[in-house]
mmCIF file of all heavy atoms, coordinates in Angstrom:
data_MODEL
# 
_entry.id   MODEL 
# 
loop_
_atom_site.group_PDB 
_atom_site.id 
_atom_site.type_symbol 
_atom_site.label_atom_id 
_atom_site.label_alt_id 
_atom_site.label_comp_id 
_atom_site.label_asym_id 
_atom_site.label_entity_id 
_atom_site.label_seq_id 
_atom_site.pdbx_PDB_ins_code 
_atom_site.Cartn_x 
_atom_site.Cartn_y 
_atom_site.Cartn_z 
_atom_site.occupancy 
_atom_site.B_iso_or_equiv 
_atom_site.pdbx_formal_charge 
_atom_site.auth_seq_id 
_atom_site.auth_comp_id 
_atom_site.auth_asym_id 
_atom_site.auth_atom_id 
_atom_site.pdbx_PDB_model_num 
ATOM 1   N N   . ARG A 1 1  ? 94.743  135.059 27.095 1.00 0.00 ? 1  ARG A N   1 
ATOM 2   C CA  . ARG A 1 1  ? 95.474  135.346 25.856 1.00 0.00 ? 1  ARG A CA  1 
ATOM 3   C C   . ARG A 1 1  ? 95.577  134.103 24.978 1.00 0.00 ? 1  ARG A C   1 
ATOM 4   O O   . ARG A 1 1  ? 95.473  134.179 23.748 1.00 0.00 ? 1  ARG A O   1 
ATOM 5   C CB  . ARG A 1 1  ? 96.875  135.877 26.181 1.00 0.00 ? 1  ARG A CB  1 
ATOM 6   C CG  . ARG A 1 1  ? 97.652  136.354 24.960 1.00 0.00 ? 1  ARG A CG  1 
ATOM 7   C CD  . ARG A 1 1  ? 99.031  136.868 25.374 1.00 0.00 ? 1  ARG A CD  1 
ATOM 8   N NE  . ARG A 1 1  ? 98.928  137.962 26.318 1.00 0.00 ? 1  ARG A NE  1 
ATOM 9   C CZ  . ARG A 1 1  ? 98.650  139.211 25.978 1.00 0.00 ? 1  ARG A CZ  1 
ATOM 10  N NH1 . ARG A 1 1  ? 98.434  139.527 24.719 1.00 0.00 ? 1  ARG A NH1 1 
ATOM 11  N NH2 . ARG A 1 1  ? 98.577  140.146 26.888 1.00 0.00 ? 1  ARG A NH2 1 
ATOM 12  N N   . GLY A 1 2  ? 95.783  132.945 25.614 1.00 0.00 ? 2  GLY A N   1 
ATOM 13  C CA  . GLY A 1 2  ? 95.942  131.702 24.865 1.00 0.00 ? 2  GLY A CA  1 
ATOM 14  C C   . GLY A 1 2  ? 94.707  131.299 24.085 1.00 0.00 ? 2  GLY A C   1 
ATOM 15  O O   . GLY A 1 2  ? 94.799  130.479 23.169 1.00 0.00 ? 2  GLY A O   1 
ATOM 16  N N   . LEU A 1 3  ? 93.541  131.852 24.431 1.00 0.00 ? 3  LEU A N   1 
ATOM 17  C CA  . LEU A 1 3  ? 92.321  131.576 23.678 1.00 0.00 ? 3  LEU A CA  1 
ATOM 18  C C   . LEU A 1 3  ? 91.942  132.730 22.755 1.00 0.00 ? 3  LEU A C   1 
ATOM 19  O O   . LEU A 1 3  ? 91.705  132.533 21.565 1.00 0.00 ? 3  LEU A O   1 
ATOM 20  C CB  . LEU A 1 3  ? 91.159  131.271 24.629 1.00 0.00 ? 3  LEU A CB  1 
ATOM 21  C CG  . LEU A 1 3  ? 91.021  129.798 25.052 1.00 0.00 ? 3  LEU A CG  1 
ATOM 22  C CD1 . LEU A 1 3  ? 92.053  129.440 26.099 1.00 0.00 ? 3  LEU A CD1 1 
ATOM 23  C CD2 . LEU A 1 3  ? 89.629  129.518 25.566 1.00 0.00 ? 3  LEU A CD2 1 
ATOM 24  N N   . LEU A 1 4  ? 91.908  133.942 23.295 1.00 0.00 ? 4  LEU A N   1 
ATOM 25  C CA  . LEU A 1 4  ? 91.400  135.077 22.533 1.00 0.00 ? 4  LEU A CA  1 
ATOM 26  C C   . LEU A 1 4  ? 92.279  135.413 21.338 1.00 0.00 ? 4  LEU A C   1 
ATOM 27  O O   . LEU A 1 4  ? 91.791  135.843 20.289 1.00 0.00 ? 4  LEU A O   1 
ATOM 28  C CB  . LEU A 1 4  ? 91.282  136.300 23.448 1.00 0.00 ? 4  LEU A CB  1 
ATOM 29  C CG  . LEU A 1 4  ? 90.310  136.162 24.625 1.00 0.00 ? 4  LEU A CG  1 
ATOM 30  C CD1 . LEU A 1 4  ? 90.307  137.435 25.454 1.00 0.00 ? 4  LEU A CD1 1 
ATOM 31  C CD2 . LEU A 1 4  ? 88.904  135.859 24.126 1.00 0.00 ? 4  LEU A CD2 1 
ATOM 32  N N   . ARG A 1 5  ? 93.573  135.220 21.470 1.00 0.00 ? 5  ARG A N   1 
ATOM 33  C CA  . ARG A 1 5  ? 94.492  135.542 20.374 1.00 0.00 ? 5  ARG A CA  1 
ATOM 34  C C   . ARG A 1 5  ? 94.161  134.745 19.117 1.00 0.00 ? 5  ARG A C   1 
ATOM 35  O O   . ARG A 1 5  ? 94.374  135.210 17.991 1.00 0.00 ? 5  ARG A O   1 
ATOM 36  C CB  . ARG A 1 5  ? 95.920  135.256 20.828 1.00 0.00 ? 5  ARG A CB  1 
ATOM 37  C CG  . ARG A 1 5  ? 97.005  135.799 19.921 1.00 0.00 ? 5  ARG A CG  1 
ATOM 38  C CD  . ARG A 1 5  ? 98.338  135.716 20.635 1.00 0.00 ? 5  ARG A CD  1 
ATOM 39  N NE  . ARG A 1 5  ? 99.405  136.295 19.828 1.00 0.00 ? 5  ARG A NE  1 
ATOM 40  C CZ  . ARG A 1 5  ? 100.177 135.593 19.009 1.00 0.00 ? 5  ARG A CZ  1 
ATOM 41  N NH1 . ARG A 1 5  ? 99.985  134.270 18.902 1.00 0.00 ? 5  ARG A NH1 1 
ATOM 42  N NH2 . ARG A 1 5  ? 101.134 136.163 18.307 1.00 0.00 ? 5  ARG A NH2 1 
ATOM 43  N N   . PHE A 1 6  ? 93.626  133.544 19.311 1.00 0.00 ? 6  PHE A N   1 
ATOM 44  C CA  . PHE A 1 6  ? 93.297  132.681 18.173 1.00 0.00 ? 6  PHE A CA  1 
ATOM 45  C C   . PHE A 1 6  ? 91.832  132.811 17.753 1.00 0.00 ? 6  PHE A C   1 
ATOM 46  O O   . PHE A 1 6  ? 91.341  132.019 16.960 1.00 0.00 ? 6  PHE A O   1 
ATOM 47  C CB  . PHE A 1 6  ? 93.602  131.223 18.526 1.00 0.00 ? 6  PHE A CB  1 
ATOM 48  C CG  . PHE A 1 6  ? 95.056  130.954 18.773 1.00 0.00 ? 6  PHE A CG  1 
ATOM 49  C CD1 . PHE A 1 6  ? 95.570  130.954 20.055 1.00 0.00 ? 6  PHE A CD1 1 
ATOM 50  C CD2 . PHE A 1 6  ? 95.917  130.742 17.710 1.00 0.00 ? 6  PHE A CD2 1 
ATOM 51  C CE1 . PHE A 1 6  ? 96.913  130.720 20.293 1.00 0.00 ? 6  PHE A CE1 1 
ATOM 52  C CE2 . PHE A 1 6  ? 97.271  130.504 17.926 1.00 0.00 ? 6  PHE A CE2 1 
ATOM 53  C CZ  . PHE A 1 6  ? 97.773  130.498 19.214 1.00 0.00 ? 6  PHE A CZ  1 
ATOM 54  N N   . GLY A 1 7  ? 91.147  133.802 18.296 1.00 0.00 ? 7  GLY A N   1 
ATOM 55  C CA  . GLY A 1 7  ? 89.758  133.998 17.917 1.00 0.00 ? 7  GLY A CA  1 
ATOM 56  C C   . GLY A 1 7  ? 88.809  132.996 18.527 1.00 0.00 ? 7  GLY A C   1 
ATOM 57  O O   . GLY A 1 7  ? 87.685  132.828 18.041 1.00 0.00 ? 7  GLY A O   1 
ATOM 58  N N   . ARG A 1 8  ? 89.236  132.334 19.604 1.00 0.00 ? 8  ARG A N   1 
ATOM 59  C CA  . ARG A 1 8  ? 88.374  131.370 20.288 1.00 0.00 ? 8  ARG A CA  1 
ATOM 60  C C   . ARG A 1 8  ? 87.622  132.071 21.422 1.00 0.00 ? 8  ARG A C   1 
ATOM 61  O O   . ARG A 1 8  ? 88.019  133.141 21.866 1.00 0.00 ? 8  ARG A O   1 
ATOM 62  C CB  . ARG A 1 8  ? 89.203  130.208 20.839 1.00 0.00 ? 8  ARG A CB  1 
ATOM 63  C CG  . ARG A 1 8  ? 89.854  129.364 19.736 1.00 0.00 ? 8  ARG A CG  1 
ATOM 64  C CD  . ARG A 1 8  ? 90.586  128.158 20.303 1.00 0.00 ? 8  ARG A CD  1 
ATOM 65  N NE  . ARG A 1 8  ? 91.046  127.274 19.246 1.00 0.00 ? 8  ARG A NE  1 
ATOM 66  C CZ  . ARG A 1 8  ? 92.336  127.018 18.972 1.00 0.00 ? 8  ARG A CZ  1 
ATOM 67  N NH1 . ARG A 1 8  ? 93.281  127.581 19.703 1.00 0.00 ? 8  ARG A NH1 1 
ATOM 68  N NH2 . ARG A 1 8  ? 92.660  126.203 17.995 1.00 0.00 ? 8  ARG A NH2 1 
ATOM 69  N N   . PRO A 1 9  ? 86.536  131.464 21.915 1.00 0.00 ? 9  PRO A N   1 
ATOM 70  C CA  . PRO A 1 9  ? 85.796  132.072 23.032 1.00 0.00 ? 9  PRO A CA  1 
ATOM 71  C C   . PRO A 1 9  ? 86.666  132.224 24.273 1.00 0.00 ? 9  PRO A C   1 
ATOM 72  O O   . PRO A 1 9  ? 87.630  131.479 24.466 1.00 0.00 ? 9  PRO A O   1 
ATOM 73  C CB  . PRO A 1 9  ? 84.644  131.085 23.277 1.00 0.00 ? 9  PRO A CB  1 
ATOM 74  C CG  . PRO A 1 9  ? 84.501  130.337 21.993 1.00 0.00 ? 9  PRO A CG  1 
ATOM 75  C CD  . PRO A 1 9  ? 85.875  130.242 21.407 1.00 0.00 ? 9  PRO A CD  1 
ATOM 76  N N   . ALA A 1 10 ? 86.320  133.169 25.122 1.00 0.00 ? 10 ALA A N   1 
ATOM 77  C CA  . ALA A 1 10 ? 87.064  133.409 26.363 1.00 0.00 ? 10 ALA A CA  1 
ATOM 78  C C   . ALA A 1 10 ? 86.950  132.220 27.300 1.00 0.00 ? 10 ALA A C   1 
ATOM 79  O O   . ALA A 1 10 ? 86.011  131.413 27.202 1.00 0.00 ? 10 ALA A O   1 
ATOM 80  C CB  . ALA A 1 10 ? 86.535  134.666 27.049 1.00 0.00 ? 10 ALA A CB  1 
ATOM 81  N N   . PRO A 1 11 ? 87.897  132.055 28.227 1.00 0.00 ? 11 PRO A N   1 
ATOM 82  C CA  . PRO A 1 11 ? 87.794  130.973 29.225 1.00 0.00 ? 11 PRO A CA  1 
ATOM 83  C C   . PRO A 1 11 ? 86.469  131.042 29.962 1.00 0.00 ? 11 PRO A C   1 
ATOM 84  O O   . PRO A 1 11 ? 85.978  132.128 30.290 1.00 0.00 ? 11 PRO A O   1 
ATOM 85  C CB  . PRO A 1 11 ? 88.976  131.255 30.163 1.00 0.00 ? 11 PRO A CB  1 
ATOM 86  C CG  . PRO A 1 11 ? 89.941  132.037 29.340 1.00 0.00 ? 11 PRO A CG  1 
ATOM 87  C CD  . PRO A 1 11 ? 89.127  132.856 28.397 1.00 0.00 ? 11 PRO A CD  1 
ATOM 88  N N   . ASP A 1 12 ? 85.897  129.876 30.235 1.00 0.00 ? 12 ASP A N   1 
ATOM 89  C CA  . ASP A 1 12 ? 84.565  129.795 30.841 1.00 0.00 ? 12 ASP A CA  1 
ATOM 90  C C   . ASP A 1 12 ? 84.682  129.203 32.254 1.00 0.00 ? 12 ASP A C   1 
ATOM 91  O O   . ASP A 1 12 ? 85.047  128.046 32.414 1.00 0.00 ? 12 ASP A O   1 
ATOM 92  C CB  . ASP A 1 12 ? 83.671  128.917 29.970 1.00 0.00 ? 12 ASP A CB  1 
ATOM 93  C CG  . ASP A 1 12 ? 82.264  128.771 30.531 1.00 0.00 ? 12 ASP A CG  1 
ATOM 94  O OD1 . ASP A 1 12 ? 81.946  129.445 31.524 1.00 0.00 ? 12 ASP A OD1 1 
ATOM 95  O OD2 . ASP A 1 12 ? 81.487  127.968 29.973 1.00 0.00 ? 12 ASP A OD2 1 
ATOM 96  N N   . TYR A 1 13 ? 84.376  130.025 33.267 1.00 0.00 ? 13 TYR A N   1 
ATOM 97  C CA  . TYR A 1 13 ? 84.398  129.585 34.668 1.00 0.00 ? 13 TYR A CA  1 
ATOM 98  C C   . TYR A 1 13 ? 82.985  129.434 35.230 1.00 0.00 ? 13 TYR A C   1 
ATOM 99  O O   . TYR A 1 13 ? 82.815  129.355 36.441 1.00 0.00 ? 13 TYR A O   1 
ATOM 100 C CB  . TYR A 1 13 ? 85.148  130.608 35.524 1.00 0.00 ? 13 TYR A CB  1 
ATOM 101 C CG  . TYR A 1 13 ? 86.652  130.608 35.356 1.00 0.00 ? 13 TYR A CG  1 
ATOM 102 C CD1 . TYR A 1 13 ? 87.272  131.413 34.398 1.00 0.00 ? 13 TYR A CD1 1 
ATOM 103 C CD2 . TYR A 1 13 ? 87.464  129.812 36.162 1.00 0.00 ? 13 TYR A CD2 1 
ATOM 104 C CE1 . TYR A 1 13 ? 88.645  131.434 34.248 1.00 0.00 ? 13 TYR A CE1 1 
ATOM 105 C CE2 . TYR A 1 13 ? 88.849  129.832 36.022 1.00 0.00 ? 13 TYR A CE2 1 
ATOM 106 C CZ  . TYR A 1 13 ? 89.426  130.640 35.063 1.00 0.00 ? 13 TYR A CZ  1 
ATOM 107 O OH  . TYR A 1 13 ? 90.795  130.656 34.922 1.00 0.00 ? 13 TYR A OH  1 
ATOM 108 N N   . SER A 1 14 ? 81.984  129.399 34.383 1.00 0.00 ? 14 SER A N   1 
ATOM 109 C CA  . SER A 1 14 ? 80.592  129.477 34.844 1.00 0.00 ? 14 SER A CA  1 
ATOM 110 C C   . SER A 1 14 ? 80.163  128.294 35.696 1.00 0.00 ? 14 SER A C   1 
ATOM 111 O O   . SER A 1 14 ? 79.200  128.387 36.456 1.00 0.00 ? 14 SER A O   1 
ATOM 112 C CB  . SER A 1 14 ? 79.646  129.624 33.650 1.00 0.00 ? 14 SER A CB  1 
ATOM 113 O OG  . SER A 1 14 ? 79.766  128.517 32.767 1.00 0.00 ? 14 SER A OG  1 
ATOM 114 N N   . ASP A 1 15 ? 80.832  127.148 35.594 1.00 0.00 ? 15 ASP A N   1 
ATOM 115 C CA  . ASP A 1 15 ? 80.462  125.978 36.388 1.00 0.00 ? 15 ASP A CA  1 
ATOM 116 C C   . ASP A 1 15 ? 81.128  125.958 37.757 1.00 0.00 ? 15 ASP A C   1 
ATOM 117 O O   . ASP A 1 15 ? 80.986  124.994 38.513 1.00 0.00 ? 15 ASP A O   1 
ATOM 118 C CB  . ASP A 1 15 ? 80.804  124.687 35.631 1.00 0.00 ? 15 ASP A CB  1 
ATOM 119 C CG  . ASP A 1 15 ? 79.867  124.440 34.461 1.00 0.00 ? 15 ASP A CG  1 
ATOM 120 O OD1 . ASP A 1 15 ? 78.734  124.963 34.502 1.00 0.00 ? 15 ASP A OD1 1 
ATOM 121 O OD2 . ASP A 1 15 ? 80.261  123.742 33.502 1.00 0.00 ? 15 ASP A OD2 1 
ATOM 122 N N   . THR A 1 16 ? 81.876  127.006 38.090 1.00 0.00 ? 16 THR A N   1 
ATOM 123 C CA  . THR A 1 16 ? 82.534  127.087 39.398 1.00 0.00 ? 16 THR A CA  1 
ATOM 124 C C   . THR A 1 16 ? 81.493  127.196 40.506 1.00 0.00 ? 16 THR A C   1 
ATOM 125 O O   . THR A 1 16 ? 80.494  127.897 40.368 1.00 0.00 ? 16 THR A O   1 
ATOM 126 C CB  . THR A 1 16 ? 83.475  128.297 39.430 1.00 0.00 ? 16 THR A CB  1 
ATOM 127 O OG1 . THR A 1 16 ? 84.543  128.074 38.504 1.00 0.00 ? 16 THR A OG1 1 
ATOM 128 C CG2 . THR A 1 16 ? 84.054  128.513 40.817 1.00 0.00 ? 16 THR A CG2 1 
ATOM 129 N N   . SER A 1 17 ? 81.732  126.503 41.613 1.00 0.00 ? 17 SER A N   1 
ATOM 130 C CA  . SER A 1 17 ? 80.801  126.505 42.741 1.00 0.00 ? 17 SER A CA  1 
ATOM 131 C C   . SER A 1 17 ? 81.562  126.787 44.035 1.00 0.00 ? 17 SER A C   1 
ATOM 132 O O   . SER A 1 17 ? 82.763  127.089 44.010 1.00 0.00 ? 17 SER A O   1 
ATOM 133 C CB  . SER A 1 17 ? 80.089  125.147 42.844 1.00 0.00 ? 17 SER A CB  1 
ATOM 134 O OG  . SER A 1 17 ? 81.020  124.128 43.195 1.00 0.00 ? 17 SER A OG  1 
ATOM 135 N N   . ASN A 1 18 ? 80.874  126.662 45.145 1.00 0.00 ? 18 ASN A N   1 
ATOM 136 C CA  . ASN A 1 18 ? 81.515  126.873 46.451 1.00 0.00 ? 18 ASN A CA  1 
ATOM 137 C C   . ASN A 1 18 ? 82.496  125.772 46.793 1.00 0.00 ? 18 ASN A C   1 
ATOM 138 O O   . ASN A 1 18 ? 83.345  125.952 47.676 1.00 0.00 ? 18 ASN A O   1 
ATOM 139 C CB  . ASN A 1 18 ? 80.451  126.944 47.549 1.00 0.00 ? 18 ASN A CB  1 
ATOM 140 C CG  . ASN A 1 18 ? 79.560  128.167 47.410 1.00 0.00 ? 18 ASN A CG  1 
ATOM 141 O OD1 . ASN A 1 18 ? 80.036  129.240 47.097 1.00 0.00 ? 18 ASN A OD1 1 
ATOM 142 N ND2 . ASN A 1 18 ? 78.273  127.987 47.628 1.00 0.00 ? 18 ASN A ND2 1 
ATOM 143 N N   . THR A 1 19 ? 82.406  124.639 46.132 1.00 0.00 ? 19 THR A N   1 
ATOM 144 C CA  . THR A 1 19 ? 83.255  123.496 46.475 1.00 0.00 ? 19 THR A CA  1 
ATOM 145 C C   . THR A 1 19 ? 84.281  123.155 45.406 1.00 0.00 ? 19 THR A C   1 
ATOM 146 O O   . THR A 1 19 ? 85.138  122.312 45.640 1.00 0.00 ? 19 THR A O   1 
ATOM 147 C CB  . THR A 1 19 ? 82.387  122.247 46.739 1.00 0.00 ? 19 THR A CB  1 
ATOM 148 O OG1 . THR A 1 19 ? 81.580  121.974 45.577 1.00 0.00 ? 19 THR A OG1 1 
ATOM 149 C CG2 . THR A 1 19 ? 81.463  122.483 47.934 1.00 0.00 ? 19 THR A CG2 1 
ATOM 150 N N   . SER A 1 20 ? 84.216  123.785 44.245 1.00 0.00 ? 20 SER A N   1 
ATOM 151 C CA  . SER A 1 20 ? 85.181  123.467 43.190 1.00 0.00 ? 20 SER A CA  1 
ATOM 152 C C   . SER A 1 20 ? 85.287  124.610 42.193 1.00 0.00 ? 20 SER A C   1 
ATOM 153 O O   . SER A 1 20 ? 84.337  125.365 41.995 1.00 0.00 ? 20 SER A O   1 
ATOM 154 C CB  . SER A 1 20 ? 84.793  122.172 42.460 1.00 0.00 ? 20 SER A CB  1 
ATOM 155 O OG  . SER A 1 20 ? 83.560  122.350 41.777 1.00 0.00 ? 20 SER A OG  1 
ATOM 156 N N   . VAL A 1 21 ? 86.465  124.726 41.594 1.00 0.00 ? 21 VAL A N   1 
ATOM 157 C CA  . VAL A 1 21 ? 86.695  125.677 40.508 1.00 0.00 ? 21 VAL A CA  1 
ATOM 158 C C   . VAL A 1 21 ? 86.765  124.875 39.218 1.00 0.00 ? 21 VAL A C   1 
ATOM 159 O O   . VAL A 1 21 ? 87.519  123.897 39.127 1.00 0.00 ? 21 VAL A O   1 
ATOM 160 C CB  . VAL A 1 21 ? 87.999  126.471 40.716 1.00 0.00 ? 21 VAL A CB  1 
ATOM 161 C CG1 . VAL A 1 21 ? 88.288  127.356 39.509 1.00 0.00 ? 21 VAL A CG1 1 
ATOM 162 C CG2 . VAL A 1 21 ? 87.904  127.319 41.973 1.00 0.00 ? 21 VAL A CG2 1 
ATOM 163 N N   . VAL A 1 22 ? 85.967  125.267 38.230 1.00 0.00 ? 22 VAL A N   1 
ATOM 164 C CA  . VAL A 1 22 ? 85.903  124.545 36.958 1.00 0.00 ? 22 VAL A CA  1 
ATOM 165 C C   . VAL A 1 22 ? 86.194  125.522 35.828 1.00 0.00 ? 22 VAL A C   1 
ATOM 166 O O   . VAL A 1 22 ? 85.550  126.569 35.713 1.00 0.00 ? 22 VAL A O   1 
ATOM 167 C CB  . VAL A 1 22 ? 84.518  123.897 36.739 1.00 0.00 ? 22 VAL A CB  1 
ATOM 168 C CG1 . VAL A 1 22 ? 84.507  123.102 35.438 1.00 0.00 ? 22 VAL A CG1 1 
ATOM 169 C CG2 . VAL A 1 22 ? 84.144  123.002 37.913 1.00 0.00 ? 22 VAL A CG2 1 
ATOM 170 N N   . LEU A 1 23 ? 87.182  125.178 35.000 1.00 0.00 ? 23 LEU A N   1 
ATOM 171 C CA  . LEU A 1 23 ? 87.583  126.014 33.875 1.00 0.00 ? 23 LEU A CA  1 
ATOM 172 C C   . LEU A 1 23 ? 87.407  125.237 32.577 1.00 0.00 ? 23 LEU A C   1 
ATOM 173 O O   . LEU A 1 23 ? 87.868  124.100 32.460 1.00 0.00 ? 23 LEU A O   1 
ATOM 174 C CB  . LEU A 1 23 ? 89.047  126.439 34.034 1.00 0.00 ? 23 LEU A CB  1 
ATOM 175 C CG  . LEU A 1 23 ? 89.737  127.055 32.818 1.00 0.00 ? 23 LEU A CG  1 
ATOM 176 C CD1 . LEU A 1 23 ? 89.069  128.358 32.414 1.00 0.00 ? 23 LEU A CD1 1 
ATOM 177 C CD2 . LEU A 1 23 ? 91.222  127.279 33.108 1.00 0.00 ? 23 LEU A CD2 1 
ATOM 178 N N   . HIS A 1 24 ? 86.728  125.848 31.603 1.00 0.00 ? 24 HIS A N   1 
ATOM 179 C CA  . HIS A 1 24 ? 86.566  125.249 30.278 1.00 0.00 ? 24 HIS A CA  1 
ATOM 180 C C   . HIS A 1 24 ? 87.337  126.086 29.266 1.00 0.00 ? 24 HIS A C   1 
ATOM 181 O O   . HIS A 1 24 ? 87.113  127.297 29.147 1.00 0.00 ? 24 HIS A O   1 
ATOM 182 C CB  . HIS A 1 24 ? 85.088  125.192 29.873 1.00 0.00 ? 24 HIS A CB  1 
ATOM 183 C CG  . HIS A 1 24 ? 84.226  124.385 30.807 1.00 0.00 ? 24 HIS A CG  1 
ATOM 184 N ND1 . HIS A 1 24 ? 84.373  123.027 30.963 1.00 0.00 ? 24 HIS A ND1 1 
ATOM 185 C CD2 . HIS A 1 24 ? 83.222  124.751 31.626 1.00 0.00 ? 24 HIS A CD2 1 
ATOM 186 C CE1 . HIS A 1 24 ? 83.480  122.588 31.839 1.00 0.00 ? 24 HIS A CE1 1 
ATOM 187 N NE2 . HIS A 1 24 ? 82.774  123.625 32.263 1.00 0.00 ? 24 HIS A NE2 1 
ATOM 188 N N   . LEU A 1 25 ? 88.245  125.442 28.511 1.00 0.00 ? 25 LEU A N   1 
ATOM 189 C CA  . LEU A 1 25 ? 88.995  126.098 27.445 1.00 0.00 ? 25 LEU A CA  1 
ATOM 190 C C   . LEU A 1 25 ? 88.486  125.553 26.119 1.00 0.00 ? 25 LEU A C   1 
ATOM 191 O O   . LEU A 1 25 ? 88.679  124.367 25.813 1.00 0.00 ? 25 LEU A O   1 
ATOM 192 C CB  . LEU A 1 25 ? 90.499  125.828 27.581 1.00 0.00 ? 25 LEU A CB  1 
ATOM 193 C CG  . LEU A 1 25 ? 91.146  126.201 28.922 1.00 0.00 ? 25 LEU A CG  1 
ATOM 194 C CD1 . LEU A 1 25 ? 92.619  125.831 28.923 1.00 0.00 ? 25 LEU A CD1 1 
ATOM 195 C CD2 . LEU A 1 25 ? 90.982  127.679 29.216 1.00 0.00 ? 25 LEU A CD2 1 
ATOM 196 N N   . ALA A 1 26 ? 87.823  126.393 25.343 1.00 0.00 ? 26 ALA A N   1 
ATOM 197 C CA  . ALA A 1 26 ? 87.220  125.948 24.087 1.00 0.00 ? 26 ALA A CA  1 
ATOM 198 C C   . ALA A 1 26 ? 88.293  125.480 23.105 1.00 0.00 ? 26 ALA A C   1 
ATOM 199 O O   . ALA A 1 26 ? 89.371  126.081 22.997 1.00 0.00 ? 26 ALA A O   1 
ATOM 200 C CB  . ALA A 1 26 ? 86.398  127.070 23.462 1.00 0.00 ? 26 ALA A CB  1 
ATOM 201 N N   . THR A 1 27 ? 88.005  124.389 22.384 1.00 0.00 ? 27 THR A N   1 
ATOM 202 C CA  . THR A 1 27 ? 88.935  123.860 21.385 1.00 0.00 ? 27 THR A CA  1 
ATOM 203 C C   . THR A 1 27 ? 88.387  124.055 19.973 1.00 0.00 ? 27 THR A C   1 
ATOM 204 O O   . THR A 1 27 ? 88.719  123.309 19.058 1.00 0.00 ? 27 THR A O   1 
ATOM 205 C CB  . THR A 1 27 ? 89.197  122.365 21.638 1.00 0.00 ? 27 THR A CB  1 
ATOM 206 O OG1 . THR A 1 27 ? 87.935  121.669 21.663 1.00 0.00 ? 27 THR A OG1 1 
ATOM 207 C CG2 . THR A 1 27 ? 89.900  122.150 22.962 1.00 0.00 ? 27 THR A CG2 1 
ATOM 208 N N   . ALA A 1 28 ? 87.516  125.061 19.798 1.00 0.00 ? 28 ALA A N   1 
ATOM 209 C CA  . ALA A 1 28 ? 86.965  125.347 18.473 1.00 0.00 ? 28 ALA A CA  1 
ATOM 210 C C   . ALA A 1 28 ? 88.081  125.724 17.510 1.00 0.00 ? 28 ALA A C   1 
ATOM 211 O O   . ALA A 1 28 ? 89.184  126.117 17.915 1.00 0.00 ? 28 ALA A O   1 
ATOM 212 C CB  . ALA A 1 28 ? 85.942  126.486 18.573 1.00 0.00 ? 28 ALA A CB  1 
# 
């Protein structure tokens, strides 16, 4: 909600692996 409400891209978890969780929050 904190991203989509402002028209920003959805949270990006694509870099998550078996050993770490990685979250990217766009600042566009």
